[in-house]
PDB file of N, CA and C in Angstrom:
ATOM      1  N   UNK A   1     218.821 110.348 -91.867  1.00  0.00           N
ATOM      2  CA  UNK A   1     218.433 111.680 -91.771  1.00  0.00           C
ATOM      3  C   UNK A   1     217.348 111.962 -92.746  1.00  0.00           C
ATOM      4  N   UNK A   2     216.405 112.834 -92.303  1.00  0.00           N
ATOM      5  CA  UNK A   2     215.293 113.134 -93.160  1.00  0.00           C
ATOM      6  C   UNK A   2     215.070 114.596 -93.296  1.00  0.00           C
ATOM      7  N   UNK A   3     215.935 115.273 -94.095  1.00  0.00           N
ATOM      8  CA  UNK A   3     215.669 116.674 -94.377  1.00  0.00           C
ATOM      9  C   UNK A   3     215.887 117.618 -93.214  1.00  0.00           C
ATOM     10  N   UNK A   4     216.874 117.370 -92.305  1.00  0.00           N
ATOM     11  CA  UNK A   4     217.139 118.266 -91.147  1.00  0.00           C
ATOM     12  C   UNK A   4     217.431 119.737 -91.604  1.00  0.00           C
ATOM     13  N   UNK A   5     218.315 119.832 -92.663  1.00  0.00           N
ATOM     14  CA  UNK A   5     218.730 121.181 -93.066  1.00  0.00           C
ATOM     15  C   UNK A   5     217.664 121.997 -93.725  1.00  0.00           C
ATOM     16  N   UNK A   6     216.907 121.402 -94.564  1.00  0.00           N
ATOM     17  CA  UNK A   6     215.945 122.057 -95.429  1.00  0.00           C
ATOM     18  C   UNK A   6     214.637 122.416 -94.731  1.00  0.00           C
ATOM     19  N   UNK A   7     214.433 123.619 -94.271  1.00  0.00           N
ATOM     20  CA  UNK A   7     213.193 124.122 -93.717  1.00  0.00           C
ATOM     21  C   UNK A   7     212.643 125.191 -94.646  1.00  0.00           C
ATOM     22  N   UNK A   8     212.197 124.814 -95.778  1.00  0.00           N
ATOM     23  CA  UNK A   8     211.680 125.700 -96.819  1.00  0.00           C
ATOM     24  C   UNK A   8     210.157 125.817 -96.640  1.00  0.00           C
ATOM     25  N   UNK A   9     209.755 127.059 -96.223  1.00  0.00           N
ATOM     26  CA  UNK A   9     208.346 127.341 -95.991  1.00  0.00           C
ATOM     27  C   UNK A   9     207.681 127.589 -97.364  1.00  0.00           C
ATOM     28  N   UNK A  10     207.026 126.592 -97.954  1.00  0.00           N
ATOM     29  CA  UNK A  10     206.389 126.746 -99.312  1.00  0.00           C
ATOM     30  C   UNK A  10     205.144 125.932 -99.346  1.00  0.00           C
ATOM     31  N   UNK A  11     204.361 126.288-100.241  1.00  0.00           N
ATOM     32  CA  UNK A  11     203.132 125.492-100.499  1.00  0.00           C
ATOM     33  C   UNK A  11     203.375 124.521-101.746  1.00  0.00           C
ATOM     34  N   UNK A  12     204.470 124.687-102.396  1.00  0.00           N
ATOM     35  CA  UNK A  12     204.756 123.943-103.518  1.00  0.00           C
ATOM     36  C   UNK A  12     205.831 122.898-103.281  1.00  0.00           C
ATOM     37  N   UNK A  13     205.428 121.612-103.383  1.00  0.00           N
ATOM     38  CA  UNK A  13     206.441 120.538-103.123  1.00  0.00           C
ATOM     39  C   UNK A  13     207.671 120.571-104.070  1.00  0.00           C
ATOM     40  N   UNK A  14     207.510 121.187-105.271  1.00  0.00           N
ATOM     41  CA  UNK A  14     208.634 121.281-106.154  1.00  0.00           C
ATOM     42  C   UNK A  14     209.703 122.197-105.547  1.00  0.00           C
ATOM     43  N   UNK A  15     209.287 123.245-104.880  1.00  0.00           N
ATOM     44  CA  UNK A  15     210.193 124.154-104.254  1.00  0.00           C
ATOM     45  C   UNK A  15     211.039 123.456-103.156  1.00  0.00           C
ATOM     46  N   UNK A  16     210.479 122.531-102.439  1.00  0.00           N
ATOM     47  CA  UNK A  16     211.165 121.776-101.453  1.00  0.00           C
ATOM     48  C   UNK A  16     212.237 120.909-102.097  1.00  0.00           C
ATOM     49  N   UNK A  17     211.858 120.259-103.124  1.00  0.00           N
ATOM     50  CA  UNK A  17     212.775 119.421-103.926  1.00  0.00           C
ATOM     51  C   UNK A  17     213.951 120.209-104.416  1.00  0.00           C
ATOM     52  N   UNK A  18     213.583 121.287-105.107  1.00  0.00           N
ATOM     53  CA  UNK A  18     214.671 122.242-105.711  1.00  0.00           C
ATOM     54  C   UNK A  18     215.488 122.807-104.647  1.00  0.00           C
ATOM     55  N   UNK A  19     214.894 122.997-103.425  1.00  0.00           N
ATOM     56  CA  UNK A  19     215.800 123.493-102.318  1.00  0.00           C
ATOM     57  C   UNK A  19     216.903 122.501-101.949  1.00  0.00           C
ATOM     58  N   UNK A  20     216.631 121.189-102.133  1.00  0.00           N
ATOM     59  CA  UNK A  20     217.609 120.189-101.762  1.00  0.00           C
ATOM     60  C   UNK A  20     218.594 119.979-102.910  1.00  0.00           C
ATOM     61  N   UNK A  21     218.087 119.890-104.119  1.00  0.00           N
ATOM     62  CA  UNK A  21     218.917 119.532-105.263  1.00  0.00           C
ATOM     63  C   UNK A  21     219.484 120.773-106.048  1.00  0.00           C
ATOM     64  N   UNK A  22     218.860 121.990-105.702  1.00  0.00           N
ATOM     65  CA  UNK A  22     219.241 123.168-106.422  1.00  0.00           C
ATOM     66  C   UNK A  22     220.710 123.571-106.182  1.00  0.00           C
ATOM     67  N   UNK A  23     221.150 124.374-107.018  1.00  0.00           N
ATOM     68  CA  UNK A  23     222.589 124.825-106.955  1.00  0.00           C
ATOM     69  C   UNK A  23     223.377 124.348-108.127  1.00  0.00           C
ATOM     70  N   UNK A  24     224.496 124.876-108.320  1.00  0.00           N
ATOM     71  CA  UNK A  24     225.282 124.544-109.575  1.00  0.00           C
ATOM     72  C   UNK A  24     225.788 123.117-109.566  1.00  0.00           C
ATOM     73  N   UNK A  25     226.160 122.533-108.439  1.00  0.00           N
ATOM     74  CA  UNK A  25     226.847 121.259-108.436  1.00  0.00           C
ATOM     75  C   UNK A  25     226.109 120.012-107.847  1.00  0.00           C
ATOM     76  N   UNK A  26     225.086 120.319-107.047  1.00  0.00           N
ATOM     77  CA  UNK A  26     224.400 119.168-106.281  1.00  0.00           C
ATOM     78  C   UNK A  26     223.932 118.136-107.251  1.00  0.00           C
ATOM     79  N   UNK A  27     223.189 118.495-108.354  1.00  0.00           N
ATOM     80  CA  UNK A  27     222.676 117.380-109.215  1.00  0.00           C
ATOM     81  C   UNK A  27     223.815 116.583-109.853  1.00  0.00           C
ATOM     82  N   UNK A  28     224.969 117.274-110.175  1.00  0.00           N
ATOM     83  CA  UNK A  28     226.090 116.577-110.753  1.00  0.00           C
ATOM     84  C   UNK A  28     226.704 115.610-109.670  1.00  0.00           C
ATOM     85  N   UNK A  29     226.842 116.066-108.449  1.00  0.00           N
ATOM     86  CA  UNK A  29     227.323 115.209-107.388  1.00  0.00           C
ATOM     87  C   UNK A  29     226.406 113.916-107.193  1.00  0.00           C
ATOM     88  N   UNK A  30     225.102 114.170-107.227  1.00  0.00           N
ATOM     89  CA  UNK A  30     224.183 113.080-107.004  1.00  0.00           C
ATOM     90  C   UNK A  30     224.264 112.139-108.176  1.00  0.00           C
ATOM     91  N   UNK A  31     224.333 112.656-109.420  1.00  0.00           N
ATOM     92  CA  UNK A  31     224.480 111.748-110.573  1.00  0.00           C
ATOM     93  C   UNK A  31     225.755 110.881-110.538  1.00  0.00           C
ATOM     94  N   UNK A  32     226.792 111.629-110.202  1.00  0.00           N
ATOM     95  CA  UNK A  32     228.191 110.852-110.118  1.00  0.00           C
ATOM     96  C   UNK A  32     228.027 109.703-109.141  1.00  0.00           C
ATOM     97  N   UNK A  33     227.570 109.970-108.016  1.00  0.00           N
ATOM     98  CA  UNK A  33     227.442 108.923-106.891  1.00  0.00           C
ATOM     99  C   UNK A  33     226.496 107.877-107.385  1.00  0.00           C
ATOM    100  N   UNK A  34     225.393 108.239-108.076  1.00  0.00           N
ATOM    101  CA  UNK A  34     224.423 107.294-108.469  1.00  0.00           C
ATOM    102  C   UNK A  34     224.964 106.393-109.581  1.00  0.00           C
ATOM    103  N   UNK A  35     225.762 107.004-110.490  1.00  0.00           N
ATOM    104  CA  UNK A  35     226.371 106.220-111.566  1.00  0.00           C
ATOM    105  C   UNK A  35     227.477 105.333-111.179  1.00  0.00           C
ATOM    106  N   UNK A  36     228.338 105.835-110.305  1.00  0.00           N
ATOM    107  CA  UNK A  36     229.614 105.163-109.993  1.00  0.00           C
ATOM    108  C   UNK A  36     229.613 104.448-108.627  1.00  0.00           C
ATOM    109  N   UNK A  37     228.645 104.748-107.773  1.00  0.00           N
ATOM    110  CA  UNK A  37     228.590 104.112-106.528  1.00  0.00           C
ATOM    111  C   UNK A  37     229.561 104.905-105.543  1.00  0.00           C
ATOM    112  N   UNK A  38     229.747 104.363-104.372  1.00  0.00           N
ATOM    113  CA  UNK A  38     230.581 105.105-103.362  1.00  0.00           C
ATOM    114  C   UNK A  38     231.820 105.522-103.987  1.00  0.00           C
ATOM    115  N   UNK A  39     232.242 106.753-103.544  1.00  0.00           N
ATOM    116  CA  UNK A  39     233.507 107.342-104.064  1.00  0.00           C
ATOM    117  C   UNK A  39     234.299 108.034-102.995  1.00  0.00           C
ATOM    118  N   UNK A  40     235.647 107.935-103.123  1.00  0.00           N
ATOM    119  CA  UNK A  40     236.479 108.708-102.280  1.00  0.00           C
ATOM    120  C   UNK A  40     236.407 110.139-102.556  1.00  0.00           C
ATOM    121  N   UNK A  41     236.556 111.006-101.547  1.00  0.00           N
ATOM    122  CA  UNK A  41     236.469 112.481-101.774  1.00  0.00           C
ATOM    123  C   UNK A  41     237.298 112.922-102.949  1.00  0.00           C
ATOM    124  N   UNK A  42     238.580 112.609-103.039  1.00  0.00           N
ATOM    125  CA  UNK A  42     239.486 113.090-104.115  1.00  0.00           C
ATOM    126  C   UNK A  42     239.023 112.613-105.419  1.00  0.00           C
ATOM    127  N   UNK A  43     238.485 111.372-105.555  1.00  0.00           N
ATOM    128  CA  UNK A  43     237.919 110.860-106.792  1.00  0.00           C
ATOM    129  C   UNK A  43     236.700 111.740-107.304  1.00  0.00           C
ATOM    130  N   UNK A  44     235.860 111.983-106.319  1.00  0.00           N
ATOM    131  CA  UNK A  44     234.659 112.783-106.568  1.00  0.00           C
ATOM    132  C   UNK A  44     235.060 114.228-107.054  1.00  0.00           C
ATOM    133  N   UNK A  45     236.023 114.684-106.288  1.00  0.00           N
ATOM    134  CA  UNK A  45     236.579 116.049-106.721  1.00  0.00           C
ATOM    135  C   UNK A  45     237.055 116.099-108.144  1.00  0.00           C
ATOM    136  N   UNK A  46     237.753 115.046-108.615  1.00  0.00           N
ATOM    137  CA  UNK A  46     238.200 114.938-110.006  1.00  0.00           C
ATOM    138  C   UNK A  46     236.969 114.802-111.022  1.00  0.00           C
ATOM    139  N   UNK A  47     236.030 114.017-110.555  1.00  0.00           N
ATOM    140  CA  UNK A  47     234.881 113.694-111.409  1.00  0.00           C
ATOM    141  C   UNK A  47     233.923 114.908-111.657  1.00  0.00           C
ATOM    142  N   UNK A  48     233.918 115.773-110.648  1.00  0.00           N
ATOM    143  CA  UNK A  48     233.003 116.932-110.683  1.00  0.00           C
ATOM    144  C   UNK A  48     233.790 118.160-111.096  1.00  0.00           C
ATOM    145  N   UNK A  49     235.004 117.973-111.604  1.00  0.00           N
ATOM    146  CA  UNK A  49     235.845 119.088-112.064  1.00  0.00           C
ATOM    147  C   UNK A  49     235.021 120.023-112.922  1.00  0.00           C
ATOM    148  N   UNK A  50     235.172 121.353-112.818  1.00  0.00           N
ATOM    149  CA  UNK A  50     236.219 122.143-112.132  1.00  0.00           C
ATOM    150  C   UNK A  50     235.730 122.683-110.753  1.00  0.00           C
ATOM    151  N   UNK A  51     235.006 121.956-110.016  1.00  0.00           N
ATOM    152  CA  UNK A  51     234.524 122.450-108.693  1.00  0.00           C
ATOM    153  C   UNK A  51     235.800 122.575-107.788  1.00  0.00           C
ATOM    154  N   UNK A  52     235.696 123.539-106.871  1.00  0.00           N
ATOM    155  CA  UNK A  52     236.817 123.724-105.891  1.00  0.00           C
ATOM    156  C   UNK A  52     236.480 122.737-104.722  1.00  0.00           C
ATOM    157  N   UNK A  53     237.589 122.479-104.034  1.00  0.00           N
ATOM    158  CA  UNK A  53     237.473 121.600-102.869  1.00  0.00           C
ATOM    159  C   UNK A  53     236.581 122.153-101.833  1.00  0.00           C
ATOM    160  N   UNK A  54     236.595 123.496-101.566  1.00  0.00           N
ATOM    161  CA  UNK A  54     235.823 124.174-100.594  1.00  0.00           C
ATOM    162  C   UNK A  54     234.325 124.052-100.964  1.00  0.00           C
ATOM    163  N   UNK A  55     233.963 124.208-102.227  1.00  0.00           N
ATOM    164  CA  UNK A  55     232.602 124.172-102.678  1.00  0.00           C
ATOM    165  C   UNK A  55     232.111 122.760-102.566  1.00  0.00           C
ATOM    166  N   UNK A  56     232.925 121.801-103.014  1.00  0.00           N
ATOM    167  CA  UNK A  56     232.522 120.398-102.943  1.00  0.00           C
ATOM    168  C   UNK A  56     232.253 119.989-101.520  1.00  0.00           C
ATOM    169  N   UNK A  57     233.078 120.373-100.598  1.00  0.00           N
ATOM    170  CA  UNK A  57     232.825 120.070 -99.143  1.00  0.00           C
ATOM    171  C   UNK A  57     231.548 120.651 -98.760  1.00  0.00           C
ATOM    172  N   UNK A  58     231.295 121.890 -99.067  1.00  0.00           N
ATOM    173  CA  UNK A  58     230.028 122.579 -98.602  1.00  0.00           C
ATOM    174  C   UNK A  58     228.820 121.882 -99.182  1.00  0.00           C
ATOM    175  N   UNK A  59     228.894 121.528-100.483  1.00  0.00           N
ATOM    176  CA  UNK A  59     227.735 120.809-101.130  1.00  0.00           C
ATOM    177  C   UNK A  59     227.536 119.572-100.536  1.00  0.00           C
ATOM    178  N   UNK A  60     228.580 118.755-100.256  1.00  0.00           N
ATOM    179  CA  UNK A  60     228.420 117.377 -99.688  1.00  0.00           C
ATOM    180  C   UNK A  60     227.884 117.546 -98.253  1.00  0.00           C
ATOM    181  N   UNK A  61     228.277 118.498 -97.475  1.00  0.00           N
ATOM    182  CA  UNK A  61     227.784 118.684 -96.106  1.00  0.00           C
ATOM    183  C   UNK A  61     226.215 118.976 -96.208  1.00  0.00           C
ATOM    184  N   UNK A  62     225.836 119.762 -97.087  1.00  0.00           N
ATOM    185  CA  UNK A  62     224.425 120.035 -97.196  1.00  0.00           C
ATOM    186  C   UNK A  62     223.594 118.806 -97.674  1.00  0.00           C
ATOM    187  N   UNK A  63     224.070 118.085 -98.671  1.00  0.00           N
ATOM    188  CA  UNK A  63     223.502 116.864 -99.079  1.00  0.00           C
ATOM    189  C   UNK A  63     223.462 115.834 -98.057  1.00  0.00           C
ATOM    190  N   UNK A  64     224.464 115.737 -97.190  1.00  0.00           N
ATOM    191  CA  UNK A  64     224.513 114.811 -96.092  1.00  0.00           C
ATOM    192  C   UNK A  64     223.477 115.231 -95.010  1.00  0.00           C
ATOM    193  N   UNK A  65     223.394 116.518 -94.773  1.00  0.00           N
ATOM    194  CA  UNK A  65     222.414 117.063 -93.799  1.00  0.00           C
ATOM    195  C   UNK A  65     220.979 116.779 -94.252  1.00  0.00           C
ATOM    196  N   UNK A  66     220.767 116.675 -95.594  1.00  0.00           N
ATOM    197  CA  UNK A  66     219.465 116.488 -96.124  1.00  0.00           C
ATOM    198  C   UNK A  66     219.182 114.937 -96.378  1.00  0.00           C
ATOM    199  N   UNK A  67     220.166 114.143 -95.917  1.00  0.00           N
ATOM    200  CA  UNK A  67     220.034 112.664 -96.077  1.00  0.00           C
ATOM    201  C   UNK A  67     220.128 112.108 -97.414  1.00  0.00           C
ATOM    202  N   UNK A  68     220.732 112.863 -98.326  1.00  0.00           N
ATOM    203  CA  UNK A  68     220.915 112.436 -99.753  1.00  0.00           C
ATOM    204  C   UNK A  68     222.183 111.585 -99.988  1.00  0.00           C
ATOM    205  N   UNK A  69     223.252 112.006 -99.242  1.00  0.00           N
ATOM    206  CA  UNK A  69     224.510 111.271 -99.307  1.00  0.00           C
ATOM    207  C   UNK A  69     224.955 110.862 -97.849  1.00  0.00           C
ATOM    208  N   UNK A  70     225.726 109.888 -97.786  1.00  0.00           N
ATOM    209  CA  UNK A  70     226.329 109.472 -96.549  1.00  0.00           C
ATOM    210  C   UNK A  70     227.780 109.566 -96.589  1.00  0.00           C
ATOM    211  N   UNK A  71     228.381 109.792 -95.487  1.00  0.00           N
ATOM    212  CA  UNK A  71     229.808 110.021 -95.439  1.00  0.00           C
ATOM    213  C   UNK A  71     230.383 108.999 -94.437  1.00  0.00           C
ATOM    214  N   UNK A  72     231.390 108.286 -94.815  1.00  0.00           N
ATOM    215  CA  UNK A  72     232.039 107.277 -93.941  1.00  0.00           C
ATOM    216  C   UNK A  72     233.491 107.497 -93.934  1.00  0.00           C
ATOM    217  N   UNK A  73     234.161 107.220 -92.954  1.00  0.00           N
ATOM    218  CA  UNK A  73     235.641 107.302 -92.917  1.00  0.00           C
ATOM    219  C   UNK A  73     236.277 105.930 -92.848  1.00  0.00           C
ATOM    220  N   UNK A  74     237.229 105.724 -93.757  1.00  0.00           N
ATOM    221  CA  UNK A  74     238.072 104.513 -93.752  1.00  0.00           C
ATOM    222  C   UNK A  74     239.382 105.039 -93.857  1.00  0.00           C
ATOM    223  N   UNK A  75     240.012 105.404 -92.756  1.00  0.00           N
ATOM    224  CA  UNK A  75     241.343 106.072 -92.760  1.00  0.00           C
ATOM    225  C   UNK A  75     242.326 105.504 -93.667  1.00  0.00           C
ATOM    226  N   UNK A  76     242.985 106.276 -94.506  1.00  0.00           N
ATOM    227  CA  UNK A  76     242.894 107.757 -94.596  1.00  0.00           C
ATOM    228  C   UNK A  76     241.870 108.355 -95.488  1.00  0.00           C
ATOM    229  N   UNK A  77     240.996 107.496 -95.909  1.00  0.00           N
ATOM    230  CA  UNK A  77     239.993 108.046 -96.858  1.00  0.00           C
ATOM    231  C   UNK A  77     238.670 108.357 -96.351  1.00  0.00           C
ATOM    232  N   UNK A  78     237.993 109.337 -96.886  1.00  0.00           N
ATOM    233  CA  UNK A  78     236.611 109.682 -96.692  1.00  0.00           C
ATOM    234  C   UNK A  78     235.810 109.174 -97.913  1.00  0.00           C
ATOM    235  N   UNK A  79     234.794 108.337 -97.671  1.00  0.00           N
ATOM    236  CA  UNK A  79     233.930 107.843 -98.768  1.00  0.00           C
ATOM    237  C   UNK A  79     232.558 108.437 -98.700  1.00  0.00           C
ATOM    238  N   UNK A  80     232.129 108.795 -99.861  1.00  0.00           N
ATOM    239  CA  UNK A  80     230.732 109.314 -99.943  1.00  0.00           C
ATOM    240  C   UNK A  80     229.898 108.384-100.818  1.00  0.00           C
ATOM    241  N   UNK A  81     228.637 108.213-100.476  1.00  0.00           N
ATOM    242  CA  UNK A  81     227.761 107.306-101.162  1.00  0.00           C
ATOM    243  C   UNK A  81     226.376 107.900-101.140  1.00  0.00           C
ATOM    244  N   UNK A  82     225.613 107.502-102.135  1.00  0.00           N
ATOM    245  CA  UNK A  82     224.155 107.966-102.229  1.00  0.00           C
ATOM    246  C   UNK A  82     223.412 107.060-101.246  1.00  0.00           C
ATOM    247  N   UNK A  83     222.550 107.752-100.490  1.00  0.00           N
ATOM    248  CA  UNK A  83     221.675 107.008 -99.579  1.00  0.00           C
ATOM    249  C   UNK A  83     220.449 106.406-100.292  1.00  0.00           C
ATOM    250  N   UNK A  84     219.716 105.713 -99.506  1.00  0.00           N
ATOM    251  CA  UNK A  84     218.448 105.158-100.054  1.00  0.00           C
ATOM    252  C   UNK A  84     217.503 106.285-100.433  1.00  0.00           C
ATOM    253  N   UNK A  85     217.492 107.319 -99.614  1.00  0.00           N
ATOM    254  CA  UNK A  85     216.685 108.541 -99.888  1.00  0.00           C
ATOM    255  C   UNK A  85     217.177 109.196-101.079  1.00  0.00           C
ATOM    256  N   UNK A  86     218.461 109.339-101.241  1.00  0.00           N
ATOM    257  CA  UNK A  86     219.061 109.940-102.477  1.00  0.00           C
ATOM    258  C   UNK A  86     218.740 109.137-103.706  1.00  0.00           C
ATOM    259  N   UNK A  87     218.731 107.828-103.634  1.00  0.00           N
ATOM    260  CA  UNK A  87     218.425 106.954-104.823  1.00  0.00           C
ATOM    261  C   UNK A  87     217.075 107.381-105.394  1.00  0.00           C
ATOM    262  N   UNK A  88     216.181 107.810-104.471  1.00  0.00           N
ATOM    263  CA  UNK A  88     214.790 108.150-104.992  1.00  0.00           C
ATOM    264  C   UNK A  88     214.842 109.417-105.849  1.00  0.00           C
ATOM    265  N   UNK A  89     215.900 110.166-105.846  1.00  0.00           N
ATOM    266  CA  UNK A  89     215.991 111.409-106.726  1.00  0.00           C
ATOM    267  C   UNK A  89     216.374 110.948-108.211  1.00  0.00           C
ATOM    268  N   UNK A  90     216.783 109.677-108.407  1.00  0.00           N
ATOM    269  CA  UNK A  90     217.168 109.278-109.782  1.00  0.00           C
ATOM    270  C   UNK A  90     216.053 109.645-110.824  1.00  0.00           C
ATOM    271  N   UNK A  91     214.819 109.246-110.588  1.00  0.00           N
ATOM    272  CA  UNK A  91     213.778 109.511-111.614  1.00  0.00           C
ATOM    273  C   UNK A  91     213.456 110.991-111.700  1.00  0.00           C
ATOM    274  N   UNK A  92     213.693 111.801-110.612  1.00  0.00           N
ATOM    275  CA  UNK A  92     213.493 113.205-110.666  1.00  0.00           C
ATOM    276  C   UNK A  92     214.558 113.800-111.560  1.00  0.00           C
ATOM    277  N   UNK A  93     215.824 113.515-111.339  1.00  0.00           N
ATOM    278  CA  UNK A  93     216.889 114.008-112.192  1.00  0.00           C
ATOM    279  C   UNK A  93     216.741 113.583-113.655  1.00  0.00           C
ATOM    280  N   UNK A  94     216.324 112.327-113.843  1.00  0.00           N
ATOM    281  CA  UNK A  94     216.105 111.868-115.215  1.00  0.00           C
ATOM    282  C   UNK A  94     214.989 112.650-115.881  1.00  0.00           C
ATOM    283  N   UNK A  95     213.938 112.979-115.155  1.00  0.00           N
ATOM    284  CA  UNK A  95     212.789 113.762-115.699  1.00  0.00           C
ATOM    285  C   UNK A  95     213.288 115.147-116.080  1.00  0.00           C
ATOM    286  N   UNK A  96     214.147 115.757-115.267  1.00  0.00           N
ATOM    287  CA  UNK A  96     214.682 117.091-115.531  1.00  0.00           C
ATOM    288  C   UNK A  96     215.594 117.054-116.744  1.00  0.00           C
ATOM    289  N   UNK A  97     216.346 115.984-116.915  1.00  0.00           N
ATOM    290  CA  UNK A  97     217.208 115.826-118.001  1.00  0.00           C
ATOM    291  C   UNK A  97     216.386 115.680-119.261  1.00  0.00           C
ATOM    292  N   UNK A  98     215.343 114.864-119.200  1.00  0.00           N
ATOM    293  CA  UNK A  98     214.423 114.703-120.385  1.00  0.00           C
ATOM    294  C   UNK A  98     213.834 115.934-120.851  1.00  0.00           C
ATOM    295  N   UNK A  99     213.359 116.717-119.813  1.00  0.00           N
ATOM    296  CA  UNK A  99     212.718 118.035-120.130  1.00  0.00           C
ATOM    297  C   UNK A  99     213.755 118.926-120.827  1.00  0.00           C
ATOM    298  N   UNK A 100     214.951 118.997-120.256  1.00  0.00           N
ATOM    299  CA  UNK A 100     215.941 119.872-120.950  1.00  0.00           C
ATOM    300  C   UNK A 100     216.324 119.463-122.365  1.00  0.00           C
ATOM    301  N   UNK A 101     216.401 118.064-122.553  1.00  0.00           N
ATOM    302  CA  UNK A 101     216.716 117.654-123.924  1.00  0.00           C
ATOM    303  C   UNK A 101     215.549 117.944-124.865  1.00  0.00           C
ATOM    304  N   UNK A 102     214.335 117.832-124.396  1.00  0.00           N
ATOM    305  CA  UNK A 102     213.208 118.100-125.324  1.00  0.00           C
ATOM    306  C   UNK A 102     213.037 119.577-125.589  1.00  0.00           C
ATOM    307  N   UNK A 103     213.479 120.426-124.698  1.00  0.00           N
ATOM    308  CA  UNK A 103     213.220 121.853-124.853  1.00  0.00           C
ATOM    309  C   UNK A 103     214.604 122.618-124.929  1.00  0.00           C
ATOM    310  N   UNK A 104     215.633 121.994-125.412  1.00  0.00           N
ATOM    311  CA  UNK A 104     216.885 122.636-125.473  1.00  0.00           C
ATOM    312  C   UNK A 104     216.958 123.725-126.548  1.00  0.00           C
ATOM    313  N   UNK A 105     217.944 124.619-126.217  1.00  0.00           N
ATOM    314  CA  UNK A 105     218.238 125.694-127.152  1.00  0.00           C
ATOM    315  C   UNK A 105     219.292 125.067-128.125  1.00  0.00           C
ATOM    316  N   UNK A 106     219.218 125.447-129.396  1.00  0.00           N
ATOM    317  CA  UNK A 106     220.165 124.765-130.446  1.00  0.00           C
ATOM    318  C   UNK A 106     221.600 124.841-130.029  1.00  0.00           C
ATOM    319  N   UNK A 107     222.010 125.939-129.398  1.00  0.00           N
ATOM    320  CA  UNK A 107     223.519 126.042-128.964  1.00  0.00           C
ATOM    321  C   UNK A 107     223.793 125.343-127.695  1.00  0.00           C
ATOM    322  N   UNK A 108     222.823 124.769-127.044  1.00  0.00           N
ATOM    323  CA  UNK A 108     223.084 124.142-125.768  1.00  0.00           C
ATOM    324  C   UNK A 108     223.966 122.891-125.863  1.00  0.00           C
ATOM    325  N   UNK A 109     224.901 122.750-124.936  1.00  0.00           N
ATOM    326  CA  UNK A 109     225.756 121.565-124.985  1.00  0.00           C
ATOM    327  C   UNK A 109     224.947 120.323-124.835  1.00  0.00           C
ATOM    328  N   UNK A 110     225.218 119.351-125.663  1.00  0.00           N
ATOM    329  CA  UNK A 110     224.508 118.089-125.555  1.00  0.00           C
ATOM    330  C   UNK A 110     224.893 117.350-124.232  1.00  0.00           C
ATOM    331  N   UNK A 111     223.875 116.741-123.611  1.00  0.00           N
ATOM    332  CA  UNK A 111     224.117 116.120-122.379  1.00  0.00           C
ATOM    333  C   UNK A 111     225.006 114.928-122.496  1.00  0.00           C
ATOM    334  N   UNK A 112     224.849 114.166-123.619  1.00  0.00           N
ATOM    335  CA  UNK A 112     225.708 113.014-123.848  1.00  0.00           C
ATOM    336  C   UNK A 112     227.215 113.402-123.808  1.00  0.00           C
ATOM    337  N   UNK A 113     227.512 114.541-124.416  1.00  0.00           N
ATOM    338  CA  UNK A 113     228.818 114.979-124.444  1.00  0.00           C
ATOM    339  C   UNK A 113     229.283 115.349-123.054  1.00  0.00           C
ATOM    340  N   UNK A 114     228.586 115.969-122.280  1.00  0.00           N
ATOM    341  CA  UNK A 114     228.922 116.422-120.890  1.00  0.00           C
ATOM    342  C   UNK A 114     229.099 115.176-119.996  1.00  0.00           C
ATOM    343  N   UNK A 115     228.232 114.198-120.130  1.00  0.00           N
ATOM    344  CA  UNK A 115     228.351 113.008-119.337  1.00  0.00           C
ATOM    345  C   UNK A 115     229.557 112.277-119.564  1.00  0.00           C
ATOM    346  N   UNK A 116     230.144 112.324-120.729  1.00  0.00           N
ATOM    347  CA  UNK A 116     231.350 111.589-121.064  1.00  0.00           C
ATOM    348  C   UNK A 116     232.652 112.432-120.901  1.00  0.00           C
ATOM    349  N   UNK A 117     232.560 113.651-120.387  1.00  0.00           N
ATOM    350  CA  UNK A 117     233.741 114.498-120.213  1.00  0.00           C
ATOM    351  C   UNK A 117     233.969 114.634-118.723  1.00  0.00           C
ATOM    352  N   UNK A 118     235.239 114.784-118.347  1.00  0.00           N
ATOM    353  CA  UNK A 118     235.450 115.066-116.978  1.00  0.00           C
ATOM    354  C   UNK A 118     236.440 116.169-116.766  1.00  0.00           C
ATOM    355  N   UNK A 119     236.658 116.895-117.912  1.00  0.00           N
ATOM    356  CA  UNK A 119     237.577 118.050-117.762  1.00  0.00           C
ATOM    357  C   UNK A 119     236.884 119.363-117.559  1.00  0.00           C
ATOM    358  N   UNK A 120     235.480 119.374-117.488  1.00  0.00           N
ATOM    359  CA  UNK A 120     234.703 120.538-117.151  1.00  0.00           C
ATOM    360  C   UNK A 120     234.511 121.441-118.311  1.00  0.00           C
ATOM    361  N   UNK A 121     235.077 121.190-119.422  1.00  0.00           N
ATOM    362  CA  UNK A 121     234.759 121.990-120.612  1.00  0.00           C
ATOM    363  C   UNK A 121     233.585 121.531-121.404  1.00  0.00           C
ATOM    364  N   UNK A 122     232.944 122.554-122.081  1.00  0.00           N
ATOM    365  CA  UNK A 122     231.755 122.141-122.802  1.00  0.00           C
ATOM    366  C   UNK A 122     232.034 121.284-124.048  1.00  0.00           C
ATOM    367  N   UNK A 123     230.995 120.520-124.503  1.00  0.00           N
ATOM    368  CA  UNK A 123     231.168 119.732-125.592  1.00  0.00           C
ATOM    369  C   UNK A 123     231.333 120.552-126.890  1.00  0.00           C
ATOM    370  N   UNK A 124     231.565 119.882-127.966  1.00  0.00           N
ATOM    371  CA  UNK A 124     231.743 120.538-129.228  1.00  0.00           C
ATOM    372  C   UNK A 124     230.436 120.977-129.836  1.00  0.00           C
TER     373      UNK A 124
END
């Protein structure tokens, strides 16, 4: 798939990209799949905690429609994986992370702490 869902009328290519990865959970979902490889739905649900099942399903459907993740069924499991197109977002997300780290607010949660937590609570 190549961006079937995203029809963002814009003159700015960054708006198109943010339209695909924008939202509270999409970048986290992409990062988890990029870091860990293909994951079962329930495993992904635990990793992206505290997301609800309904919201995770919605975000995954949108990412699938945009060609960022793929969905396969291996009964009784549903497996999600990052696509080749999704892999190309790795440097984009890394650049966003680096910008945030360089321009962080002193009280901002450190990314390293967030990356190592799976309970959804902020770092110390």
